[in-house]
N, C-alpha and C. Protein backbone atom coordinates (compact mmCIF):
# COMPACT_ATOMS: atom_id res chain seq x y z
N UNK A 1 -8.18 -3.54 4.54
CA UNK A 1 -7.22 -4.12 5.44
C UNK A 1 -7.14 -3.36 6.75
N UNK A 2 -7.65 -2.16 6.76
CA UNK A 2 -7.59 -1.34 7.97
C UNK A 2 -8.30 -2.00 9.13
N UNK A 3 -9.25 -2.86 8.87
CA UNK A 3 -10.03 -3.46 9.94
C UNK A 3 -9.48 -4.82 10.38
N UNK A 4 -8.45 -5.31 9.71
CA UNK A 4 -7.86 -6.59 10.07
C UNK A 4 -6.92 -6.38 11.25
N UNK A 5 -7.14 -7.20 12.30
CA UNK A 5 -6.30 -7.13 13.49
C UNK A 5 -5.97 -8.53 13.96
N UNK A 6 -4.80 -8.67 14.53
CA UNK A 6 -4.39 -9.94 15.10
C UNK A 6 -5.23 -10.21 16.34
N UNK A 7 -5.74 -11.42 16.47
CA UNK A 7 -6.55 -11.80 17.62
C UNK A 7 -5.75 -12.81 18.44
N UNK A 8 -5.60 -12.51 19.71
CA UNK A 8 -4.81 -13.38 20.59
C UNK A 8 -3.37 -13.40 20.14
N UNK A 9 -2.78 -14.59 20.13
CA UNK A 9 -1.39 -14.70 19.67
C UNK A 9 -1.30 -15.53 18.38
N UNK A 10 -2.39 -15.57 17.62
CA UNK A 10 -2.43 -16.35 16.39
C UNK A 10 -1.82 -15.56 15.23
N UNK A 11 -0.51 -15.43 15.26
CA UNK A 11 0.19 -14.63 14.25
C UNK A 11 0.12 -15.26 12.87
N UNK A 12 0.14 -16.57 12.79
CA UNK A 12 0.10 -17.22 11.47
C UNK A 12 -1.21 -16.93 10.75
N UNK A 13 -2.32 -16.92 11.49
CA UNK A 13 -3.62 -16.60 10.89
C UNK A 13 -3.64 -15.15 10.43
N UNK A 14 -3.08 -14.26 11.24
CA UNK A 14 -3.04 -12.84 10.89
C UNK A 14 -2.20 -12.63 9.62
N UNK A 15 -1.02 -13.24 9.57
CA UNK A 15 -0.14 -13.09 8.41
C UNK A 15 -0.83 -13.63 7.16
N UNK A 16 -1.42 -14.81 7.25
CA UNK A 16 -2.09 -15.42 6.10
C UNK A 16 -3.25 -14.56 5.63
N UNK A 17 -4.06 -14.09 6.55
CA UNK A 17 -5.20 -13.24 6.18
C UNK A 17 -4.72 -11.94 5.54
N UNK A 18 -3.68 -11.34 6.11
CA UNK A 18 -3.14 -10.09 5.58
C UNK A 18 -2.61 -10.30 4.16
N UNK A 19 -1.85 -11.37 3.96
CA UNK A 19 -1.30 -11.65 2.62
C UNK A 19 -2.41 -11.89 1.61
N UNK A 20 -3.44 -12.63 2.01
CA UNK A 20 -4.56 -12.88 1.10
C UNK A 20 -5.25 -11.58 0.69
N UNK A 21 -5.47 -10.70 1.65
CA UNK A 21 -6.09 -9.41 1.33
C UNK A 21 -5.20 -8.57 0.42
N UNK A 22 -3.90 -8.63 0.67
CA UNK A 22 -2.96 -7.88 -0.19
C UNK A 22 -3.03 -8.39 -1.63
N UNK A 23 -3.08 -9.70 -1.79
CA UNK A 23 -3.17 -10.28 -3.14
C UNK A 23 -4.47 -9.85 -3.83
N UNK A 24 -5.58 -9.93 -3.10
CA UNK A 24 -6.87 -9.56 -3.67
C UNK A 24 -6.90 -8.09 -4.07
N UNK A 25 -6.26 -7.25 -3.29
CA UNK A 25 -6.24 -5.82 -3.57
C UNK A 25 -5.11 -5.44 -4.54
N UNK A 26 -4.30 -6.44 -4.90
CA UNK A 26 -3.15 -6.23 -5.79
C UNK A 26 -2.23 -5.13 -5.28
N UNK A 27 -1.94 -5.21 -3.98
CA UNK A 27 -1.04 -4.23 -3.34
C UNK A 27 0.41 -4.67 -3.50
N UNK A 28 1.28 -3.70 -3.47
CA UNK A 28 2.71 -3.99 -3.49
C UNK A 28 3.15 -4.40 -2.10
N UNK A 29 3.92 -5.48 -2.03
CA UNK A 29 4.32 -6.06 -0.75
C UNK A 29 5.13 -5.10 0.10
N UNK A 30 6.01 -4.35 -0.50
CA UNK A 30 6.90 -3.51 0.28
C UNK A 30 6.50 -2.04 0.31
N UNK A 31 5.27 -1.74 -0.03
CA UNK A 31 4.85 -0.35 0.05
C UNK A 31 4.78 0.07 1.52
N UNK A 32 5.11 1.29 1.77
CA UNK A 32 5.12 1.81 3.14
C UNK A 32 3.73 1.68 3.77
N UNK A 33 2.70 1.90 2.97
CA UNK A 33 1.35 1.82 3.53
C UNK A 33 1.00 0.39 3.96
N UNK A 34 1.49 -0.63 3.25
CA UNK A 34 1.22 -2.01 3.64
C UNK A 34 1.99 -2.38 4.90
N UNK A 35 3.22 -1.91 5.01
CA UNK A 35 4.00 -2.15 6.22
C UNK A 35 3.29 -1.50 7.41
N UNK A 36 2.81 -0.28 7.20
CA UNK A 36 2.08 0.45 8.25
C UNK A 36 0.80 -0.29 8.64
N UNK A 37 0.04 -0.77 7.65
CA UNK A 37 -1.21 -1.48 7.94
C UNK A 37 -0.95 -2.76 8.72
N UNK A 38 0.11 -3.49 8.33
CA UNK A 38 0.45 -4.72 9.05
C UNK A 38 0.79 -4.40 10.50
N UNK A 39 1.63 -3.41 10.69
CA UNK A 39 2.04 -2.96 12.02
C UNK A 39 0.83 -2.55 12.85
N UNK A 40 -0.08 -1.77 12.26
CA UNK A 40 -1.26 -1.28 12.98
C UNK A 40 -2.23 -2.38 13.36
N UNK A 41 -2.21 -3.50 12.67
CA UNK A 41 -3.11 -4.60 12.99
C UNK A 41 -2.64 -5.43 14.17
N UNK A 42 -1.44 -5.17 14.63
CA UNK A 42 -0.91 -5.90 15.78
C UNK A 42 -1.36 -5.23 17.08
N UNK A 43 -1.55 -6.02 18.13
CA UNK A 43 -1.87 -5.42 19.42
C UNK A 43 -0.76 -4.44 19.84
N UNK A 44 -1.14 -3.37 20.50
CA UNK A 44 -0.18 -2.33 20.89
C UNK A 44 0.96 -2.88 21.74
N UNK A 45 0.64 -3.72 22.72
CA UNK A 45 1.71 -4.26 23.56
C UNK A 45 2.66 -5.14 22.77
N UNK A 46 2.15 -5.81 21.76
CA UNK A 46 2.94 -6.65 20.88
C UNK A 46 3.88 -5.78 20.04
N UNK A 47 3.36 -4.68 19.49
CA UNK A 47 4.18 -3.74 18.72
C UNK A 47 5.32 -3.21 19.58
N UNK A 48 5.00 -2.79 20.79
CA UNK A 48 6.00 -2.21 21.67
C UNK A 48 7.07 -3.22 22.05
N UNK A 49 6.67 -4.44 22.29
CA UNK A 49 7.62 -5.48 22.64
C UNK A 49 8.62 -5.73 21.50
N UNK A 50 8.13 -5.69 20.27
CA UNK A 50 9.00 -5.91 19.11
C UNK A 50 9.99 -4.77 18.96
N UNK A 51 9.52 -3.54 19.01
CA UNK A 51 10.42 -2.41 18.76
C UNK A 51 11.41 -2.18 19.90
N UNK A 52 11.23 -2.86 21.01
CA UNK A 52 12.23 -2.77 22.07
C UNK A 52 13.53 -3.45 21.67
N UNK A 53 13.46 -4.46 20.80
CA UNK A 53 14.67 -5.17 20.40
C UNK A 53 14.99 -5.04 18.92
N UNK A 54 14.05 -4.51 18.14
CA UNK A 54 14.29 -4.39 16.70
C UNK A 54 13.25 -3.45 16.11
N UNK A 55 13.64 -2.63 15.16
CA UNK A 55 12.68 -1.77 14.47
C UNK A 55 12.59 -2.25 13.02
N UNK A 56 11.63 -3.13 12.75
CA UNK A 56 11.46 -3.65 11.39
C UNK A 56 11.04 -2.54 10.43
N UNK A 57 11.56 -2.59 9.22
CA UNK A 57 11.24 -1.56 8.22
C UNK A 57 10.47 -2.10 7.02
N UNK A 58 10.49 -3.39 6.83
CA UNK A 58 9.82 -3.98 5.67
C UNK A 58 8.73 -4.93 6.13
N UNK A 59 7.88 -5.30 5.21
CA UNK A 59 6.82 -6.26 5.49
C UNK A 59 7.43 -7.59 5.96
N UNK A 60 8.45 -8.06 5.25
CA UNK A 60 9.11 -9.32 5.64
C UNK A 60 9.73 -9.23 7.03
N UNK A 61 10.34 -8.08 7.34
CA UNK A 61 10.93 -7.89 8.67
C UNK A 61 9.86 -7.95 9.75
N UNK A 62 8.72 -7.32 9.50
CA UNK A 62 7.64 -7.35 10.49
C UNK A 62 7.10 -8.76 10.67
N UNK A 63 6.98 -9.51 9.58
CA UNK A 63 6.52 -10.89 9.69
C UNK A 63 7.49 -11.70 10.55
N UNK A 64 8.76 -11.59 10.26
CA UNK A 64 9.77 -12.31 11.01
C UNK A 64 9.75 -11.90 12.48
N UNK A 65 9.69 -10.62 12.74
CA UNK A 65 9.69 -10.12 14.12
C UNK A 65 8.48 -10.63 14.89
N UNK A 66 7.32 -10.63 14.26
CA UNK A 66 6.11 -11.09 14.96
C UNK A 66 6.18 -12.59 15.23
N UNK A 67 6.71 -13.34 14.28
CA UNK A 67 6.84 -14.79 14.49
C UNK A 67 7.84 -15.07 15.60
N UNK A 68 8.91 -14.32 15.67
CA UNK A 68 9.89 -14.49 16.74
C UNK A 68 9.28 -14.12 18.09
N UNK A 69 8.48 -13.09 18.12
CA UNK A 69 7.88 -12.60 19.36
C UNK A 69 6.90 -13.62 19.94
N UNK A 70 6.17 -14.30 19.07
CA UNK A 70 5.20 -15.30 19.54
C UNK A 70 5.96 -16.49 20.06
């Protein structure tokens, strides 16, 4: 999953791909490492824009924040 990155502003594709990889790897949804990997796959300017108004702590929070940002 380290190599998965959001391309353009297609957040739905990124979320779907990330979730599929998590299922295949049998990862825990709320593990800190998965939240970190999801965050790291976002463009830097996108990450910064989100944390200006909210600091998501969970995988679900990051998904919601990215969908709101787009």
